[in-house]
N, C-alpha and C. Protein backbone atom coordinates (compact mmCIF):
# COMPACT_ATOMS: atom_id res chain seq x y z
N UNK A 1 144.90 41.73 -53.77
CA UNK A 1 143.59 42.35 -53.79
C UNK A 1 143.54 43.40 -52.69
N UNK A 2 142.81 44.46 -52.96
CA UNK A 2 142.58 45.51 -51.98
C UNK A 2 141.10 45.58 -51.66
N UNK A 3 140.80 46.30 -50.60
CA UNK A 3 139.41 46.51 -50.20
C UNK A 3 139.18 48.00 -49.99
N UNK A 4 137.93 48.41 -50.24
CA UNK A 4 137.52 49.79 -50.01
C UNK A 4 136.38 49.74 -49.01
N UNK A 5 136.54 50.47 -47.92
CA UNK A 5 135.52 50.55 -46.88
C UNK A 5 134.85 51.92 -47.00
N UNK A 6 133.52 51.91 -47.17
CA UNK A 6 132.78 53.16 -47.29
C UNK A 6 132.14 53.51 -45.94
N UNK A 7 131.76 54.76 -45.81
CA UNK A 7 131.20 55.28 -44.57
C UNK A 7 129.95 56.10 -44.86
N UNK A 8 129.15 56.30 -43.82
CA UNK A 8 127.94 57.10 -43.96
C UNK A 8 128.25 58.60 -43.90
N UNK A 9 129.40 58.94 -43.30
CA UNK A 9 129.76 60.35 -43.21
C UNK A 9 131.28 60.50 -43.27
N UNK A 10 131.71 61.67 -43.68
CA UNK A 10 133.14 61.96 -43.72
C UNK A 10 133.75 61.90 -42.33
N UNK A 11 132.98 62.29 -41.33
CA UNK A 11 133.45 62.25 -39.94
C UNK A 11 133.87 60.83 -39.56
N UNK A 12 133.05 59.84 -39.89
CA UNK A 12 133.38 58.45 -39.57
C UNK A 12 134.64 57.99 -40.32
N UNK A 13 134.76 58.40 -41.55
CA UNK A 13 135.93 58.00 -42.36
C UNK A 13 137.22 58.58 -41.78
N UNK A 14 137.20 59.84 -41.44
CA UNK A 14 138.38 60.50 -40.91
C UNK A 14 138.73 59.94 -39.53
N UNK A 15 137.73 59.69 -38.70
CA UNK A 15 137.96 59.11 -37.37
C UNK A 15 138.62 57.74 -37.49
N UNK A 16 138.12 56.91 -38.39
CA UNK A 16 138.69 55.57 -38.59
C UNK A 16 140.12 55.67 -39.11
N UNK A 17 140.36 56.53 -40.06
CA UNK A 17 141.71 56.67 -40.63
C UNK A 17 142.70 57.11 -39.57
N UNK A 18 142.31 58.04 -38.73
CA UNK A 18 143.20 58.51 -37.66
C UNK A 18 143.49 57.40 -36.66
N UNK A 19 142.49 56.58 -36.39
CA UNK A 19 142.64 55.50 -35.43
C UNK A 19 143.60 54.42 -35.95
N UNK A 20 143.55 54.14 -37.24
CA UNK A 20 144.31 53.04 -37.82
C UNK A 20 145.65 53.43 -38.41
N UNK A 21 145.88 54.70 -38.69
CA UNK A 21 147.05 55.11 -39.46
C UNK A 21 148.38 54.77 -38.79
N UNK A 22 148.43 54.73 -37.47
CA UNK A 22 149.68 54.44 -36.78
C UNK A 22 150.02 52.95 -36.78
N UNK A 23 148.99 52.11 -36.75
CA UNK A 23 149.24 50.68 -36.62
C UNK A 23 148.97 49.87 -37.88
N UNK A 24 148.31 50.45 -38.87
CA UNK A 24 147.95 49.72 -40.08
C UNK A 24 148.13 50.58 -41.32
N UNK A 25 148.40 49.93 -42.42
CA UNK A 25 148.54 50.63 -43.70
C UNK A 25 147.15 50.89 -44.27
N UNK A 26 146.70 52.12 -44.15
CA UNK A 26 145.42 52.53 -44.71
C UNK A 26 145.63 53.78 -45.54
N UNK A 27 144.79 53.95 -46.54
CA UNK A 27 144.81 55.16 -47.36
C UNK A 27 143.41 55.76 -47.36
N UNK A 28 143.31 57.03 -46.99
CA UNK A 28 142.05 57.74 -47.09
C UNK A 28 141.95 58.22 -48.53
N UNK A 29 140.91 57.75 -49.24
CA UNK A 29 140.76 58.06 -50.66
C UNK A 29 139.39 58.67 -50.92
N UNK A 30 139.24 59.39 -52.03
CA UNK A 30 137.89 59.81 -52.42
C UNK A 30 137.06 58.56 -52.74
N UNK A 31 135.82 58.53 -52.29
CA UNK A 31 134.97 57.38 -52.57
C UNK A 31 134.70 57.28 -54.06
N UNK A 32 134.99 56.12 -54.66
CA UNK A 32 134.72 55.95 -56.09
C UNK A 32 133.22 56.10 -56.39
N UNK A 33 132.89 56.86 -57.39
CA UNK A 33 131.49 57.11 -57.73
C UNK A 33 130.75 55.84 -58.13
N UNK A 34 131.49 54.85 -58.59
CA UNK A 34 130.87 53.60 -59.00
C UNK A 34 130.23 52.86 -57.83
N UNK A 35 130.67 53.15 -56.60
CA UNK A 35 130.15 52.39 -55.47
C UNK A 35 129.29 53.20 -54.51
N UNK A 36 129.46 54.52 -54.43
CA UNK A 36 128.66 55.29 -53.48
C UNK A 36 128.79 56.79 -53.74
N UNK A 37 127.71 57.48 -53.41
CA UNK A 37 127.75 58.94 -53.46
C UNK A 37 127.41 59.52 -52.09
N UNK A 38 127.30 58.64 -51.07
CA UNK A 38 126.91 59.07 -49.73
C UNK A 38 128.00 59.88 -49.03
N UNK A 39 129.19 59.38 -48.99
CA UNK A 39 130.28 60.02 -48.27
C UNK A 39 131.44 60.24 -49.23
N UNK A 40 132.14 61.33 -49.06
CA UNK A 40 133.22 61.66 -49.97
C UNK A 40 134.51 60.90 -49.74
N UNK A 41 134.64 60.21 -48.60
CA UNK A 41 135.88 59.52 -48.27
C UNK A 41 135.65 58.05 -47.97
N UNK A 42 136.66 57.26 -48.31
CA UNK A 42 136.68 55.83 -48.00
C UNK A 42 138.08 55.46 -47.57
N UNK A 43 138.20 54.28 -46.98
CA UNK A 43 139.52 53.74 -46.66
C UNK A 43 139.86 52.63 -47.63
N UNK A 44 141.06 52.68 -48.16
CA UNK A 44 141.56 51.61 -49.01
C UNK A 44 142.58 50.83 -48.18
N UNK A 45 142.37 49.52 -48.11
CA UNK A 45 143.26 48.67 -47.31
C UNK A 45 143.64 47.44 -48.11
N UNK A 46 144.72 46.82 -47.71
CA UNK A 46 145.16 45.59 -48.37
C UNK A 46 144.41 44.39 -47.79
N UNK A 47 144.44 43.32 -48.52
CA UNK A 47 143.77 42.09 -48.10
C UNK A 47 144.34 41.59 -46.77
N UNK A 48 145.64 41.77 -46.57
CA UNK A 48 146.27 41.28 -45.35
C UNK A 48 145.83 42.07 -44.11
N UNK A 49 145.32 43.27 -44.30
CA UNK A 49 144.90 44.13 -43.19
C UNK A 49 143.42 43.95 -42.84
N UNK A 50 142.64 43.33 -43.71
CA UNK A 50 141.18 43.31 -43.56
C UNK A 50 140.72 42.77 -42.21
N UNK A 51 141.17 41.60 -41.82
CA UNK A 51 140.70 40.99 -40.58
C UNK A 51 141.02 41.85 -39.37
N UNK A 52 142.24 42.33 -39.27
CA UNK A 52 142.62 43.14 -38.11
C UNK A 52 141.90 44.48 -38.09
N UNK A 53 141.67 45.06 -39.25
CA UNK A 53 140.92 46.33 -39.33
C UNK A 53 139.49 46.12 -38.86
N UNK A 54 138.84 45.05 -39.31
CA UNK A 54 137.46 44.79 -38.90
C UNK A 54 137.37 44.56 -37.39
N UNK A 55 138.36 43.90 -36.82
CA UNK A 55 138.40 43.71 -35.37
C UNK A 55 138.51 45.05 -34.65
N UNK A 56 139.31 45.95 -35.20
CA UNK A 56 139.46 47.28 -34.59
C UNK A 56 138.18 48.10 -34.69
N UNK A 57 137.43 47.94 -35.78
CA UNK A 57 136.15 48.62 -35.89
C UNK A 57 135.24 48.20 -34.73
N UNK A 58 135.21 46.90 -34.45
CA UNK A 58 134.36 46.39 -33.37
C UNK A 58 134.87 46.86 -32.02
N UNK A 59 136.16 46.69 -31.77
CA UNK A 59 136.75 47.07 -30.48
C UNK A 59 136.57 48.55 -30.15
N UNK A 60 136.59 49.40 -31.19
CA UNK A 60 136.51 50.85 -30.99
C UNK A 60 135.14 51.43 -31.29
N UNK A 61 134.16 50.57 -31.50
CA UNK A 61 132.78 51.00 -31.80
C UNK A 61 132.74 51.99 -32.95
N UNK A 62 133.52 51.74 -33.99
CA UNK A 62 133.54 52.58 -35.17
C UNK A 62 132.55 52.02 -36.19
N UNK A 63 131.96 52.91 -36.96
CA UNK A 63 130.95 52.51 -37.93
C UNK A 63 131.46 52.65 -39.35
N UNK A 64 131.05 51.71 -40.19
CA UNK A 64 131.30 51.81 -41.63
C UNK A 64 130.02 51.40 -42.35
N UNK A 65 129.92 51.76 -43.61
CA UNK A 65 128.71 51.43 -44.38
C UNK A 65 128.86 50.08 -45.06
N UNK A 66 129.83 49.96 -45.97
CA UNK A 66 130.00 48.72 -46.74
C UNK A 66 131.48 48.47 -47.02
N UNK A 67 131.77 47.23 -47.40
CA UNK A 67 133.12 46.85 -47.80
C UNK A 67 133.05 46.30 -49.21
N UNK A 68 133.96 46.76 -50.05
CA UNK A 68 134.04 46.32 -51.45
C UNK A 68 135.42 45.75 -51.73
N UNK A 69 135.46 44.67 -52.46
CA UNK A 69 136.75 44.18 -52.93
C UNK A 69 137.09 44.96 -54.20
N UNK A 70 138.36 45.22 -54.38
CA UNK A 70 138.83 45.99 -55.53
C UNK A 70 139.83 45.15 -56.30
N UNK A 71 139.50 44.89 -57.54
CA UNK A 71 140.42 44.18 -58.42
C UNK A 71 140.60 45.01 -59.68
N UNK A 72 141.72 44.79 -60.34
CA UNK A 72 141.99 45.48 -61.59
C UNK A 72 142.13 44.42 -62.67
N UNK A 73 141.28 44.51 -63.69
CA UNK A 73 141.32 43.57 -64.80
C UNK A 73 141.44 44.35 -66.10
N UNK A 74 142.51 44.07 -66.82
CA UNK A 74 142.80 44.75 -68.08
C UNK A 74 142.77 46.27 -67.92
N UNK A 75 143.35 46.73 -66.81
CA UNK A 75 143.45 48.16 -66.56
C UNK A 75 142.18 48.81 -66.03
N UNK A 76 141.12 48.04 -65.83
CA UNK A 76 139.86 48.58 -65.35
C UNK A 76 139.61 48.14 -63.91
N UNK A 77 139.28 49.11 -63.06
CA UNK A 77 138.99 48.80 -61.66
C UNK A 77 137.58 48.23 -61.56
N UNK A 78 137.46 47.16 -60.77
CA UNK A 78 136.16 46.53 -60.55
C UNK A 78 135.94 46.42 -59.04
N UNK A 79 134.74 46.84 -58.64
CA UNK A 79 134.37 46.79 -57.24
C UNK A 79 133.23 45.80 -57.05
N UNK A 80 133.35 44.97 -56.01
CA UNK A 80 132.32 43.99 -55.72
C UNK A 80 132.00 44.08 -54.23
N UNK A 81 130.72 44.29 -53.91
CA UNK A 81 130.32 44.41 -52.52
C UNK A 81 130.49 43.08 -51.80
N UNK A 82 131.06 43.13 -50.60
CA UNK A 82 131.23 41.96 -49.76
C UNK A 82 130.22 42.00 -48.64
N UNK A 83 129.73 40.85 -48.25
CA UNK A 83 128.75 40.80 -47.16
C UNK A 83 129.41 40.48 -45.86
């Protein structure tokens, strides 16, 4: 399973990606329209990276909007908001 982290602004998304790219596997992706139209960029991360990435958000005072789980069923991507 993968996760998509959305942001309130492109600035926050790019700042987070730069911070994590050296130590964690992250992909800066266009935000899927199914989940948000606020910011054009999101981070896609693997399930194994989620806990450490969230800790880094706190440690570095970085902001994100929401986290969605991403699954693929019968070739269709499904996003579910996580609390």
